[in-house]
Amino acid sequence: MVDKLSLISSGRRAYSLWVGLVRRLAALVTILITLLSAFAAWHTVENLAINTSTTDMISAETPFRRNAIAFDKAFPQLKDLIVVVIDAPSSESAELAATKLAERLRGKPTLFDRVVQPGQSSFFARNGLLFMSAAELSVLGDRLAKAEPLLAALAQHPNMAGLFDVLTLALGEDTENADIGAILEKITEIAAAQIAGEAAELSWRELLDLGGGKRRLLLVHAALDSGSLAPGGLALTEIRRAAKQAGIGEPGNATLRLTGSVALNSEELDSAAIGGKTAGLTSLILVTILLIIGLRSFSLILPAIISLLIGLVWTAAFATIAIGHLNLISVA
């Protein structure tokens, strides 16, 4: 018991001596703390990294993480993709918009090292029919045979003159086997819509039931800044800017949507950043209110708040020295 009391007494004396020393050298201590805090803040800003990977927070030894790592090694071309989804009023306009955007993105190789249009490579252009079944190929052949007079006229004159040639054929006997009624009806609908000021265009691919759809995809692999809270932010912004320059997104034109792992992670990281800022500001306000209620003295409240902020700076500096990076949990 005596030893404990003597230990407590020694601790109190040491504390009193320390407090007395700090008070006597208050100006020097303030300058020293200010310099140390400034250095800690600079060191943190220059060296603290942020690991924005949501998967790295989970052990690589878990079964699904092992499978994901093996999959990425086997198919590296599918890792960290931005999937650009383009929808348009017609198959032709969707393909044209996708081609324009792809060309603009390929013009920035330092940011986009790979831009792929699925199904639009030269290989599929030469060998695409080989991927169809015999039944599908037979149906397509019959459709093309029935539409041959129309296709020939349009191939010679892919303009308004060609359209009138098609209408002339429709009144003759050469196209008695073609579904001219549906073609004329569709042309009438498009003409009426355009007269009414609505956005409408004629798709010969759809009209002749040749398939293709009104949606096109681009698979984009971009350079990512893994040390930023928005590693794919620059790439996503550049894609939207290039799409705007290509006329995508204008009324009656093609529309643009972005998905894929990069776009989804970017939204998650934006949410985490906004949540962290909101929580930090709210906490600071609440702490200040509590200090005002409890201390009721500006000369006490201000040093307390400054001490809190300095503590946060030193904590971040310690994390920089001891660990070197933060993940999304520690950021929050």
C-alpha atoms as a PDB file:
ATOM      1  CA  MET A   1       0.000   0.000   0.000  1.00  0.00           C
ATOM      2  CA  VAL A   2       2.851   2.348   0.902  1.00  0.00           C
ATOM      3  CA  ASP A   3       4.584   1.545  -2.402  1.00  0.00           C
ATOM      4  CA  LYS A   4       1.437   2.383  -4.354  1.00  0.00           C
ATOM      5  CA  LEU A   5       1.006   5.670  -2.519  1.00  0.00           C
ATOM      6  CA  SER A   6       4.634   6.602  -3.082  1.00  0.00           C
ATOM      7  CA  LEU A   7       4.296   5.712  -6.760  1.00  0.00           C
ATOM      8  CA  ILE A   8       1.200   7.891  -7.101  1.00  0.00           C
ATOM      9  CA  SER A   9       2.943  10.711  -5.255  1.00  0.00           C
ATOM     10  CA  SER A  10       5.984  10.433  -7.535  1.00  0.00           C
ATOM     11  CA  GLY A  11       3.734  10.515 -10.566  1.00  0.00           C
ATOM     12  CA  ARG A  12       1.993  13.628  -9.332  1.00  0.00           C
ATOM     13  CA  ARG A  13       5.289  15.383  -8.677  1.00  0.00           C
ATOM     14  CA  ALA A  14       6.583  14.463 -12.140  1.00  0.00           C
ATOM     15  CA  TYR A  15       3.351  15.706 -13.714  1.00  0.00           C
ATOM     16  CA  SER A  16       3.573  18.972 -11.758  1.00  0.00           C
ATOM     17  CA  LEU A  17       7.169  19.473 -12.850  1.00  0.00           C
ATOM     18  CA  TRP A  18       6.233  18.771 -16.479  1.00  0.00           C
ATOM     19  CA  VAL A  19       3.283  21.177 -16.380  1.00  0.00           C
ATOM     20  CA  GLY A  20       5.440  23.814 -14.746  1.00  0.00           C
ATOM     21  CA  LEU A  21       8.116  23.398 -17.409  1.00  0.00           C
ATOM     22  CA  VAL A  22       5.548  23.695 -20.204  1.00  0.00           C
ATOM     23  CA  ARG A  23       4.102  26.831 -18.639  1.00  0.00           C
ATOM     24  CA  ARG A  24       7.513  28.470 -18.280  1.00  0.00           C
ATOM     25  CA  LEU A  25       8.397  27.610 -21.885  1.00  0.00           C
ATOM     26  CA  ALA A  26       4.892  28.133 -23.301  1.00  0.00           C
ATOM     27  CA  ALA A  27       6.027  30.175 -26.293  1.00  0.00           C
ATOM     28  CA  LEU A  28       8.755  27.687 -27.215  1.00  0.00           C
ATOM     29  CA  VAL A  29       6.377  24.712 -26.813  1.00  0.00           C
ATOM     30  CA  THR A  30       3.754  26.423 -28.994  1.00  0.00           C
ATOM     31  CA  ILE A  31       6.300  27.118 -31.741  1.00  0.00           C
ATOM     32  CA  LEU A  32       7.642  23.559 -31.559  1.00  0.00           C
ATOM     33  CA  ILE A  33       4.175  22.002 -31.758  1.00  0.00           C
ATOM     34  CA  THR A  34       3.252  24.293 -34.652  1.00  0.00           C
ATOM     35  CA  LEU A  35       6.369  23.303 -36.592  1.00  0.00           C
ATOM     36  CA  LEU A  36       5.899  19.611 -35.861  1.00  0.00           C
ATOM     37  CA  SER A  37       2.245  19.790 -36.900  1.00  0.00           C
ATOM     38  CA  ALA A  38       3.106  21.621 -40.117  1.00  0.00           C
ATOM     39  CA  PHE A  39       5.768  19.005 -40.923  1.00  0.00           C
ATOM     40  CA  ALA A  40       3.348  16.173 -40.064  1.00  0.00           C
ATOM     41  CA  ALA A  41       0.691  17.686 -42.348  1.00  0.00           C
ATOM     42  CA  TRP A  42       3.177  18.120 -45.208  1.00  0.00           C
ATOM     43  CA  HIS A  43       4.565  14.596 -44.791  1.00  0.00           C
ATOM     44  CA  THR A  44       1.028  13.165 -44.760  1.00  0.00           C
ATOM     45  CA  VAL A  45      -0.070  15.036 -47.874  1.00  0.00           C
ATOM     46  CA  GLU A  46       3.071  14.041 -49.790  1.00  0.00           C
ATOM     47  CA  ASN A  47       3.343  10.396 -48.744  1.00  0.00           C
ATOM     48  CA  LEU A  48       0.034   8.997 -47.497  1.00  0.00           C
ATOM     49  CA  ALA A  49      -1.466   6.709 -50.150  1.00  0.00           C
ATOM     50  CA  ILE A  50      -5.025   5.479 -50.422  1.00  0.00           C
ATOM     51  CA  ASN A  51      -5.776   1.917 -51.483  1.00  0.00           C
ATOM     52  CA  THR A  52      -9.166   2.263 -53.146  1.00  0.00           C
ATOM     53  CA  SER A  53      -9.565  -1.438 -53.912  1.00  0.00           C
ATOM     54  CA  THR A  54     -12.676  -2.799 -52.234  1.00  0.00           C
ATOM     55  CA  THR A  55     -11.486  -6.393 -52.720  1.00  0.00           C
ATOM     56  CA  ASP A  56      -8.116  -5.915 -51.010  1.00  0.00           C
ATOM     57  CA  MET A  57      -9.946  -5.406 -47.707  1.00  0.00           C
ATOM     58  CA  ILE A  58     -10.902  -9.090 -47.867  1.00  0.00           C
ATOM     59  CA  SER A  59      -8.318 -11.812 -47.355  1.00  0.00           C
ATOM     60  CA  ALA A  60      -6.915 -13.235 -50.580  1.00  0.00           C
ATOM     61  CA  GLU A  61      -7.156 -16.696 -49.004  1.00  0.00           C
ATOM     62  CA  THR A  62     -10.964 -16.798 -49.064  1.00  0.00           C
ATOM     63  CA  PRO A  63     -12.316 -19.123 -51.788  1.00  0.00           C
ATOM     64  CA  PHE A  64     -14.104 -16.487 -53.858  1.00  0.00           C
ATOM     65  CA  ARG A  65     -11.070 -14.168 -53.752  1.00  0.00           C
ATOM     66  CA  ARG A  66      -8.814 -17.002 -54.936  1.00  0.00           C
ATOM     67  CA  ASN A  67     -11.209 -17.681 -57.805  1.00  0.00           C
ATOM     68  CA  ALA A  68     -11.365 -13.976 -58.683  1.00  0.00           C
ATOM     69  CA  ILE A  69      -7.563 -13.671 -58.703  1.00  0.00           C
ATOM     70  CA  ALA A  70      -7.242 -16.762 -60.903  1.00  0.00           C
ATOM     71  CA  PHE A  71      -9.900 -15.406 -63.269  1.00  0.00           C
ATOM     72  CA  ASP A  72      -8.095 -12.051 -63.572  1.00  0.00           C
ATOM     73  CA  LYS A  73      -4.834 -13.850 -64.371  1.00  0.00           C
ATOM     74  CA  ALA A  74      -6.515 -15.989 -67.025  1.00  0.00           C
ATOM     75  CA  PHE A  75      -8.446 -13.079 -68.588  1.00  0.00           C
ATOM     76  CA  PRO A  76      -6.499  -9.871 -67.871  1.00  0.00           C
ATOM     77  CA  GLN A  77      -8.323  -8.118 -70.718  1.00  0.00           C
ATOM     78  CA  LEU A  78     -11.549  -8.217 -68.672  1.00  0.00           C
ATOM     79  CA  LYS A  79     -10.073  -6.622 -65.539  1.00  0.00           C
ATOM     80  CA  ASP A  80     -10.840  -2.991 -64.621  1.00  0.00           C
ATOM     81  CA  LEU A  81     -13.092  -2.327 -67.595  1.00  0.00           C
ATOM     82  CA  ILE A  82     -15.367   0.602 -68.301  1.00  0.00           C
ATOM     83  CA  VAL A  83     -18.408  -0.648 -70.211  1.00  0.00           C
ATOM     84  CA  VAL A  84     -19.936   2.082 -72.381  1.00  0.00           C
ATOM     85  CA  VAL A  85     -23.585   1.407 -73.261  1.00  0.00           C
ATOM     86  CA  ILE A  86     -24.964   3.338 -76.242  1.00  0.00           C
ATOM     87  CA  ASP A  87     -28.666   3.232 -77.113  1.00  0.00           C
ATOM     88  CA  ALA A  88     -30.037   4.935 -80.208  1.00  0.00           C
ATOM     89  CA  PRO A  89     -33.307   5.221 -82.164  1.00  0.00           C
ATOM     90  CA  SER A  90     -32.008   2.811 -84.812  1.00  0.00           C
ATOM     91  CA  SER A  91     -29.397   0.143 -85.287  1.00  0.00           C
ATOM     92  CA  GLU A  92     -27.465   2.241 -87.800  1.00  0.00           C
ATOM     93  CA  SER A  93     -27.343   5.340 -85.593  1.00  0.00           C
ATOM     94  CA  ALA A  94     -26.245   3.244 -82.602  1.00  0.00           C
ATOM     95  CA  GLU A  95     -23.403   1.742 -84.615  1.00  0.00           C
ATOM     96  CA  LEU A  96     -22.384   5.135 -86.003  1.00  0.00           C
ATOM     97  CA  ALA A  97     -22.364   6.713 -82.523  1.00  0.00           C
ATOM     98  CA  ALA A  98     -20.311   3.849 -81.082  1.00  0.00           C
ATOM     99  CA  THR A  99     -17.794   4.075 -83.931  1.00  0.00           C
ATOM    100  CA  LYS A 100     -17.407   7.843 -83.521  1.00  0.00           C
ATOM    101  CA  LEU A 101     -16.877   7.553 -79.774  1.00  0.00           C
ATOM    102  CA  ALA A 102     -14.420   4.665 -80.159  1.00  0.00           C
ATOM    103  CA  GLU A 103     -12.340   6.680 -82.630  1.00  0.00           C
ATOM    104  CA  ARG A 104     -12.194   9.649 -80.245  1.00  0.00           C
ATOM    105  CA  LEU A 105     -11.134   7.457 -77.328  1.00  0.00           C
ATOM    106  CA  ARG A 106      -8.484   5.662 -79.393  1.00  0.00           C
ATOM    107  CA  GLY A 107      -7.060   9.100 -80.125  1.00  0.00           C
ATOM    108  CA  LYS A 108      -5.987   9.333 -76.457  1.00  0.00           C
ATOM    109  CA  PRO A 109      -3.713   6.281 -76.034  1.00  0.00           C
ATOM    110  CA  THR A 110      -2.091   7.633 -72.865  1.00  0.00           C
ATOM    111  CA  LEU A 111      -5.442   7.479 -71.066  1.00  0.00           C
ATOM    112  CA  PHE A 112      -7.228   4.670 -72.951  1.00  0.00           C
ATOM    113  CA  ASP A 113      -4.870   1.843 -73.879  1.00  0.00           C
ATOM    114  CA  ARG A 114      -7.607  -0.426 -75.248  1.00  0.00           C
ATOM    115  CA  VAL A 115     -11.010   0.311 -76.806  1.00  0.00           C
ATOM    116  CA  VAL A 116     -12.941  -2.686 -78.134  1.00  0.00           C
ATOM    117  CA  GLN A 117     -16.233  -2.792 -80.048  1.00  0.00           C
ATOM    118  CA  PRO A 118     -17.608  -6.309 -79.473  1.00  0.00           C
ATOM    119  CA  GLY A 119     -18.577  -7.971 -82.727  1.00  0.00           C
ATOM    120  CA  GLN A 120     -17.148  -5.144 -84.851  1.00  0.00           C
ATOM    121  CA  SER A 121     -13.651  -6.504 -85.484  1.00  0.00           C
ATOM    122  CA  SER A 122     -12.394  -7.351 -88.958  1.00  0.00           C
ATOM    123  CA  PHE A 123     -12.499 -11.041 -88.004  1.00  0.00           C
ATOM    124  CA  PHE A 124     -16.257 -10.957 -87.355  1.00  0.00           C
ATOM    125  CA  ALA A 125     -16.788  -8.834 -90.447  1.00  0.00           C
ATOM    126  CA  ARG A 126     -15.265 -11.669 -92.530  1.00  0.00           C
ATOM    127  CA  ASN A 127     -16.455 -14.689 -90.569  1.00  0.00           C
ATOM    128  CA  GLY A 128     -19.537 -13.571 -88.646  1.00  0.00           C
ATOM    129  CA  LEU A 129     -21.914 -15.799 -90.614  1.00  0.00           C
ATOM    130  CA  LEU A 130     -19.965 -18.873 -89.492  1.00  0.00           C
ATOM    131  CA  PHE A 131     -21.213 -18.338 -85.943  1.00  0.00           C
ATOM    132  CA  MET A 132     -24.849 -18.781 -86.983  1.00  0.00           C
ATOM    133  CA  SER A 133     -26.603 -22.116 -86.976  1.00  0.00           C
ATOM    134  CA  ALA A 134     -27.652 -23.701 -90.273  1.00  0.00           C
ATOM    135  CA  ALA A 135     -31.309 -22.846 -89.570  1.00  0.00           C
ATOM    136  CA  GLU A 136     -30.538 -19.210 -88.744  1.00  0.00           C
ATOM    137  CA  LEU A 137     -28.370 -18.877 -91.832  1.00  0.00           C
ATOM    138  CA  SER A 138     -31.140 -20.336 -93.999  1.00  0.00           C
ATOM    139  CA  VAL A 139     -33.705 -17.853 -92.630  1.00  0.00           C
ATOM    140  CA  LEU A 140     -31.300 -14.942 -93.193  1.00  0.00           C
ATOM    141  CA  GLY A 141     -30.663 -16.110 -96.757  1.00  0.00           C
ATOM    142  CA  ASP A 142     -34.387 -16.196 -97.480  1.00  0.00           C
ATOM    143  CA  ARG A 143     -34.860 -12.673 -96.090  1.00  0.00           C
ATOM    144  CA  LEU A 144     -31.992 -11.303 -98.174  1.00  0.00           C
ATOM    145  CA  ALA A 145     -33.314 -13.029-101.279  1.00  0.00           C
ATOM    146  CA  LYS A 146     -36.753 -11.470-100.802  1.00  0.00           C
ATOM    147  CA  ALA A 147     -35.250  -8.034-100.159  1.00  0.00           C
ATOM    148  CA  GLU A 148     -32.692  -8.265-102.994  1.00  0.00           C
ATOM    149  CA  PRO A 149     -34.438  -5.732-105.306  1.00  0.00           C
ATOM    150  CA  LEU A 150     -34.677  -3.204-102.504  1.00  0.00           C
ATOM    151  CA  LEU A 151     -31.118  -3.741-101.330  1.00  0.00           C
ATOM    152  CA  ALA A 152     -29.787  -3.414-104.893  1.00  0.00           C
ATOM    153  CA  ALA A 153     -31.565  -0.095-105.368  1.00  0.00           C
ATOM    154  CA  LEU A 154     -30.329   1.258-102.050  1.00  0.00           C
ATOM    155  CA  ALA A 155     -26.782   0.036-102.674  1.00  0.00           C
ATOM    156  CA  GLN A 156     -26.640   1.973-105.957  1.00  0.00           C
ATOM    157  CA  HIS A 157     -28.181   5.133-104.487  1.00  0.00           C
ATOM    158  CA  PRO A 158     -28.049   5.272-100.663  1.00  0.00           C
ATOM    159  CA  ASN A 159     -29.942   8.570-100.602  1.00  0.00           C
ATOM    160  CA  MET A 160     -33.365  10.050-101.312  1.00  0.00           C
ATOM    161  CA  ALA A 161     -33.140   8.996-104.947  1.00  0.00           C
ATOM    162  CA  GLY A 162     -32.589   5.433-103.814  1.00  0.00           C
ATOM    163  CA  LEU A 163     -35.645   5.682-101.589  1.00  0.00           C
ATOM    164  CA  PHE A 164     -37.806   6.766-104.531  1.00  0.00           C
ATOM    165  CA  ASP A 165     -36.362   3.886-106.568  1.00  0.00           C
ATOM    166  CA  VAL A 166     -37.521   1.548-103.802  1.00  0.00           C
ATOM    167  CA  LEU A 167     -40.983   3.102-103.872  1.00  0.00           C
ATOM    168  CA  THR A 168     -41.061   2.706-107.641  1.00  0.00           C
ATOM    169  CA  LEU A 169     -40.145  -0.955-107.286  1.00  0.00           C
ATOM    170  CA  ALA A 170     -42.885  -1.309-104.711  1.00  0.00           C
ATOM    171  CA  LEU A 171     -45.449  -0.366-107.346  1.00  0.00           C
ATOM    172  CA  GLY A 172     -44.082  -2.827-109.881  1.00  0.00           C
ATOM    173  CA  GLU A 173     -44.168  -6.579-110.131  1.00  0.00           C
ATOM    174  CA  ASP A 174     -40.516  -7.210-109.279  1.00  0.00           C
ATOM    175  CA  THR A 175     -41.157  -7.109-105.553  1.00  0.00           C
ATOM    176  CA  GLU A 176     -44.355  -9.073-105.298  1.00  0.00           C
ATOM    177  CA  ASN A 177     -42.709 -11.503-102.894  1.00  0.00           C
ATOM    178  CA  ALA A 178     -41.333  -8.827-100.576  1.00  0.00           C
ATOM    179  CA  ASP A 179     -43.206  -7.417 -97.613  1.00  0.00           C
ATOM    180  CA  ILE A 180     -43.681  -4.050 -99.277  1.00  0.00           C
ATOM    181  CA  GLY A 181     -46.736  -3.220 -97.176  1.00  0.00           C
ATOM    182  CA  ALA A 182     -44.706  -3.166 -93.941  1.00  0.00           C
ATOM    183  CA  ILE A 183     -41.974  -1.090 -95.588  1.00  0.00           C
ATOM    184  CA  LEU A 184     -44.416   1.524 -96.900  1.00  0.00           C
ATOM    185  CA  GLU A 185     -46.190   1.658 -93.550  1.00  0.00           C
ATOM    186  CA  LYS A 186     -42.932   2.250 -91.713  1.00  0.00           C
ATOM    187  CA  ILE A 187     -41.845   4.952 -94.162  1.00  0.00           C
ATOM    188  CA  THR A 188     -45.205   6.657 -93.643  1.00  0.00           C
ATOM    189  CA  GLU A 189     -44.774   6.578 -89.844  1.00  0.00           C
ATOM    190  CA  ILE A 190     -41.277   8.084 -90.057  1.00  0.00           C
ATOM    191  CA  ALA A 191     -42.412  10.827 -92.446  1.00  0.00           C
ATOM    192  CA  ALA A 192     -45.374  11.744 -90.226  1.00  0.00           C
ATOM    193  CA  ALA A 193     -43.158  11.841 -87.120  1.00  0.00           C
ATOM    194  CA  GLN A 194     -40.611  14.126 -88.771  1.00  0.00           C
ATOM    195  CA  ILE A 195     -43.336  16.436 -90.075  1.00  0.00           C
ATOM    196  CA  ALA A 196     -44.610  16.682 -86.478  1.00  0.00           C
ATOM    197  CA  GLY A 197     -41.106  17.667 -85.340  1.00  0.00           C
ATOM    198  CA  GLU A 198     -40.386  14.402 -83.553  1.00  0.00           C
ATOM    199  CA  ALA A 199     -37.028  12.634 -83.635  1.00  0.00           C
ATOM    200  CA  ALA A 200     -37.433   9.605 -85.898  1.00  0.00           C
ATOM    201  CA  GLU A 201     -35.335   7.843 -88.510  1.00  0.00           C
ATOM    202  CA  LEU A 202     -35.711   4.870 -90.789  1.00  0.00           C
ATOM    203  CA  SER A 203     -33.626   1.774 -90.086  1.00  0.00           C
ATOM    204  CA  TRP A 204     -33.358  -0.477 -93.110  1.00  0.00           C
ATOM    205  CA  ARG A 205     -31.708  -3.155 -91.015  1.00  0.00           C
ATOM    206  CA  GLU A 206     -34.764  -3.320 -88.738  1.00  0.00           C
ATOM    207  CA  LEU A 207     -37.181  -2.818 -91.589  1.00  0.00           C
ATOM    208  CA  LEU A 208     -35.818  -5.853 -93.407  1.00  0.00           C
ATOM    209  CA  ASP A 209     -35.579  -7.760 -90.119  1.00  0.00           C
ATOM    210  CA  LEU A 210     -31.826  -8.247 -90.425  1.00  0.00           C
ATOM    211  CA  GLY A 211     -31.236  -7.926 -86.691  1.00  0.00           C
ATOM    212  CA  GLY A 212     -28.583  -5.851 -84.981  1.00  0.00           C
ATOM    213  CA  GLY A 213     -30.612  -4.159 -82.266  1.00  0.00           C
ATOM    214  CA  LYS A 214     -30.454  -0.546 -81.144  1.00  0.00           C
ATOM    215  CA  ARG A 215     -27.712  -0.962 -78.545  1.00  0.00           C
ATOM    216  CA  ARG A 216     -23.942  -1.016 -78.901  1.00  0.00           C
ATOM    217  CA  LEU A 217     -21.228  -1.628 -76.319  1.00  0.00           C
ATOM    218  CA  LEU A 218     -17.672  -0.401 -75.965  1.00  0.00           C
ATOM    219  CA  LEU A 219     -15.197  -2.136 -73.651  1.00  0.00           C
ATOM    220  CA  VAL A 220     -12.678   0.463 -72.519  1.00  0.00           C
ATOM    221  CA  HIS A 221      -9.533  -0.138 -70.479  1.00  0.00           C
ATOM    222  CA  ALA A 222      -8.143   3.077 -69.039  1.00  0.00           C
ATOM    223  CA  ALA A 223      -5.188   4.134 -66.927  1.00  0.00           C
ATOM    224  CA  LEU A 224      -6.291   4.341 -63.275  1.00  0.00           C
ATOM    225  CA  ASP A 225      -4.843   6.399 -60.444  1.00  0.00           C
ATOM    226  CA  SER A 226      -4.919   3.903 -57.569  1.00  0.00           C
ATOM    227  CA  GLY A 227      -3.677   6.528 -55.104  1.00  0.00           C
ATOM    228  CA  SER A 228      -6.728   8.716 -55.554  1.00  0.00           C
ATOM    229  CA  LEU A 229     -10.197   8.453 -54.059  1.00  0.00           C
ATOM    230  CA  ALA A 230     -11.426   8.594 -57.668  1.00  0.00           C
ATOM    231  CA  PRO A 231      -9.020   6.317 -59.597  1.00  0.00           C
ATOM    232  CA  GLY A 232     -11.239   6.204 -62.674  1.00  0.00           C
ATOM    233  CA  GLY A 233     -12.596   9.726 -62.388  1.00  0.00           C
ATOM    234  CA  LEU A 234     -10.456  11.243 -65.136  1.00  0.00           C
ATOM    235  CA  ALA A 235     -11.259   8.431 -67.584  1.00  0.00           C
ATOM    236  CA  LEU A 236     -15.012   8.605 -66.916  1.00  0.00           C
ATOM    237  CA  THR A 237     -15.013  12.382 -67.308  1.00  0.00           C
ATOM    238  CA  GLU A 238     -13.106  12.132 -70.587  1.00  0.00           C
ATOM    239  CA  ILE A 239     -15.535   9.527 -71.966  1.00  0.00           C
ATOM    240  CA  ARG A 240     -18.504  11.775 -71.181  1.00  0.00           C
ATOM    241  CA  ARG A 241     -16.730  14.756 -72.754  1.00  0.00           C
ATOM    242  CA  ALA A 242     -15.869  12.775 -75.921  1.00  0.00           C
ATOM    243  CA  ALA A 243     -19.463  11.515 -76.138  1.00  0.00           C
ATOM    244  CA  LYS A 244     -20.767  15.079 -75.933  1.00  0.00           C
ATOM    245  CA  GLN A 245     -18.403  16.140 -78.716  1.00  0.00           C
ATOM    246  CA  ALA A 246     -19.690  13.236 -80.837  1.00  0.00           C
ATOM    247  CA  GLY A 247     -23.276  14.431 -80.363  1.00  0.00           C
ATOM    248  CA  ILE A 248     -24.245  11.554 -78.083  1.00  0.00           C
ATOM    249  CA  GLY A 249     -26.804  12.606 -75.513  1.00  0.00           C
ATOM    250  CA  GLU A 250     -28.480  15.295 -77.589  1.00  0.00           C
ATOM    251  CA  PRO A 251     -32.296  15.123 -77.911  1.00  0.00           C
ATOM    252  CA  GLY A 252     -33.300  12.486 -80.435  1.00  0.00           C
ATOM    253  CA  ASN A 253     -29.759  11.146 -80.661  1.00  0.00           C
ATOM    254  CA  ALA A 254     -27.997   8.243 -79.004  1.00  0.00           C
ATOM    255  CA  THR A 255     -27.775   8.074 -75.209  1.00  0.00           C
ATOM    256  CA  LEU A 256     -24.756   7.166 -73.120  1.00  0.00           C
ATOM    257  CA  ARG A 257     -24.505   5.100 -69.937  1.00  0.00           C
ATOM    258  CA  LEU A 258     -21.406   3.884 -68.129  1.00  0.00           C
ATOM    259  CA  THR A 259     -21.074   0.702 -66.117  1.00  0.00           C
ATOM    260  CA  GLY A 260     -18.457  -1.933 -65.380  1.00  0.00           C
ATOM    261  CA  SER A 261     -16.210  -2.346 -62.345  1.00  0.00           C
ATOM    262  CA  VAL A 262     -14.495   1.041 -62.734  1.00  0.00           C
ATOM    263  CA  ALA A 263     -17.736   3.028 -62.992  1.00  0.00           C
ATOM    264  CA  LEU A 264     -19.389   1.125 -60.118  1.00  0.00           C
ATOM    265  CA  ASN A 265     -16.329   1.492 -57.875  1.00  0.00           C
ATOM    266  CA  SER A 266     -16.192   5.196 -58.714  1.00  0.00           C
ATOM    267  CA  GLU A 267     -19.750   5.660 -57.469  1.00  0.00           C
ATOM    268  CA  GLU A 268     -18.953   3.748 -54.277  1.00  0.00           C
ATOM    269  CA  LEU A 269     -15.835   5.842 -53.675  1.00  0.00           C
ATOM    270  CA  ASP A 270     -17.704   9.087 -54.337  1.00  0.00           C
ATOM    271  CA  SER A 271     -20.296   8.007 -51.786  1.00  0.00           C
ATOM    272  CA  ALA A 272     -17.575   7.155 -49.251  1.00  0.00           C
ATOM    273  CA  ALA A 273     -15.836  10.511 -49.799  1.00  0.00           C
ATOM    274  CA  ILE A 274     -19.055  12.479 -49.415  1.00  0.00           C
ATOM    275  CA  GLY A 275     -20.002  10.448 -46.352  1.00  0.00           C
ATOM    276  CA  GLY A 276     -16.572  10.971 -44.789  1.00  0.00           C
ATOM    277  CA  LYS A 277     -16.652  14.731 -45.329  1.00  0.00           C
ATOM    278  CA  THR A 278     -20.187  14.983 -44.015  1.00  0.00           C
ATOM    279  CA  ALA A 279     -19.428  12.867 -40.955  1.00  0.00           C
ATOM    280  CA  GLY A 280     -16.215  14.784 -40.230  1.00  0.00           C
ATOM    281  CA  LEU A 281     -17.859  18.201 -40.471  1.00  0.00           C
ATOM    282  CA  THR A 282     -20.858  17.067 -38.414  1.00  0.00           C
ATOM    283  CA  SER A 283     -18.586  15.621 -35.727  1.00  0.00           C
ATOM    284  CA  LEU A 284     -16.553  18.830 -35.520  1.00  0.00           C
ATOM    285  CA  ILE A 285     -19.707  20.918 -35.170  1.00  0.00           C
ATOM    286  CA  LEU A 286     -21.128  18.648 -32.460  1.00  0.00           C
ATOM    287  CA  VAL A 287     -17.843  18.615 -30.519  1.00  0.00           C
ATOM    288  CA  THR A 288     -17.713  22.414 -30.711  1.00  0.00           C
ATOM    289  CA  ILE A 289     -21.279  22.655 -29.395  1.00  0.00           C
ATOM    290  CA  LEU A 290     -20.432  20.315 -26.500  1.00  0.00           C
ATOM    291  CA  LEU A 291     -17.351  22.376 -25.656  1.00  0.00           C
ATOM    292  CA  ILE A 292     -19.387  25.582 -25.697  1.00  0.00           C
ATOM    293  CA  ILE A 293     -21.973  24.053 -23.358  1.00  0.00           C
ATOM    294  CA  GLY A 294     -19.357  22.543 -21.061  1.00  0.00           C
ATOM    295  CA  LEU A 295     -16.622  25.193 -20.935  1.00  0.00           C
ATOM    296  CA  ARG A 296     -18.473  28.440 -21.758  1.00  0.00           C
ATOM    297  CA  SER A 297     -15.177  30.208 -22.324  1.00  0.00           C
ATOM    298  CA  PHE A 298     -13.698  31.068 -25.703  1.00  0.00           C
ATOM    299  CA  SER A 299     -10.190  30.996 -24.236  1.00  0.00           C
ATOM    300  CA  LEU A 300     -10.757  27.317 -23.342  1.00  0.00           C
ATOM    301  CA  ILE A 301     -12.845  26.257 -26.343  1.00  0.00           C
ATOM    302  CA  LEU A 302     -10.402  27.450 -29.015  1.00  0.00           C
ATOM    303  CA  PRO A 303      -7.346  25.618 -27.587  1.00  0.00           C
ATOM    304  CA  ALA A 304      -9.439  22.456 -27.190  1.00  0.00           C
ATOM    305  CA  ILE A 305     -10.520  22.531 -30.840  1.00  0.00           C
ATOM    306  CA  ILE A 306      -6.971  23.312 -32.005  1.00  0.00           C
ATOM    307  CA  SER A 307      -5.655  20.414 -29.897  1.00  0.00           C
ATOM    308  CA  LEU A 308      -8.242  18.107 -31.486  1.00  0.00           C
ATOM    309  CA  LEU A 309      -7.215  19.123 -35.012  1.00  0.00           C
ATOM    310  CA  ILE A 310      -3.515  18.747 -34.190  1.00  0.00           C
ATOM    311  CA  GLY A 311      -4.241  15.287 -32.810  1.00  0.00           C
ATOM    312  CA  LEU A 312      -5.915  14.316 -36.085  1.00  0.00           C
ATOM    313  CA  VAL A 313      -2.923  15.590 -38.071  1.00  0.00           C
ATOM    314  CA  TRP A 314      -0.470  13.638 -35.894  1.00  0.00           C
ATOM    315  CA  THR A 315      -2.620  10.522 -36.133  1.00  0.00           C
ATOM    316  CA  ALA A 316      -2.586  10.733 -39.946  1.00  0.00           C
ATOM    317  CA  ALA A 317       1.197  11.260 -39.869  1.00  0.00           C
ATOM    318  CA  PHE A 318       1.620   8.175 -37.682  1.00  0.00           C
ATOM    319  CA  ALA A 319      -0.487   6.151 -40.138  1.00  0.00           C
ATOM    320  CA  THR A 320       1.730   7.419 -42.966  1.00  0.00           C
ATOM    321  CA  ILE A 321       4.938   6.363 -41.219  1.00  0.00           C
ATOM    322  CA  ALA A 322       3.718   3.082 -39.705  1.00  0.00           C
ATOM    323  CA  ILE A 323       1.483   1.749 -42.502  1.00  0.00           C
ATOM    324  CA  GLY A 324       1.855   4.005 -45.515  1.00  0.00           C
ATOM    325  CA  HIS A 325      -1.674   3.859 -46.836  1.00  0.00           C
ATOM    326  CA  LEU A 326      -5.348   3.947 -45.888  1.00  0.00           C
ATOM    327  CA  ASN A 327      -8.187   1.792 -47.126  1.00  0.00           C
ATOM    328  CA  LEU A 328     -11.836   2.777 -47.467  1.00  0.00           C
ATOM    329  CA  ILE A 329     -12.638   1.753 -43.889  1.00  0.00           C
ATOM    330  CA  SER A 330      -9.842   3.815 -42.337  1.00  0.00           C
ATOM    331  CA  VAL A 331     -10.732   6.759 -44.600  1.00  0.00           C
ATOM    332  CA  ALA A 332     -14.294   6.654 -43.344  1.00  0.00           C
END
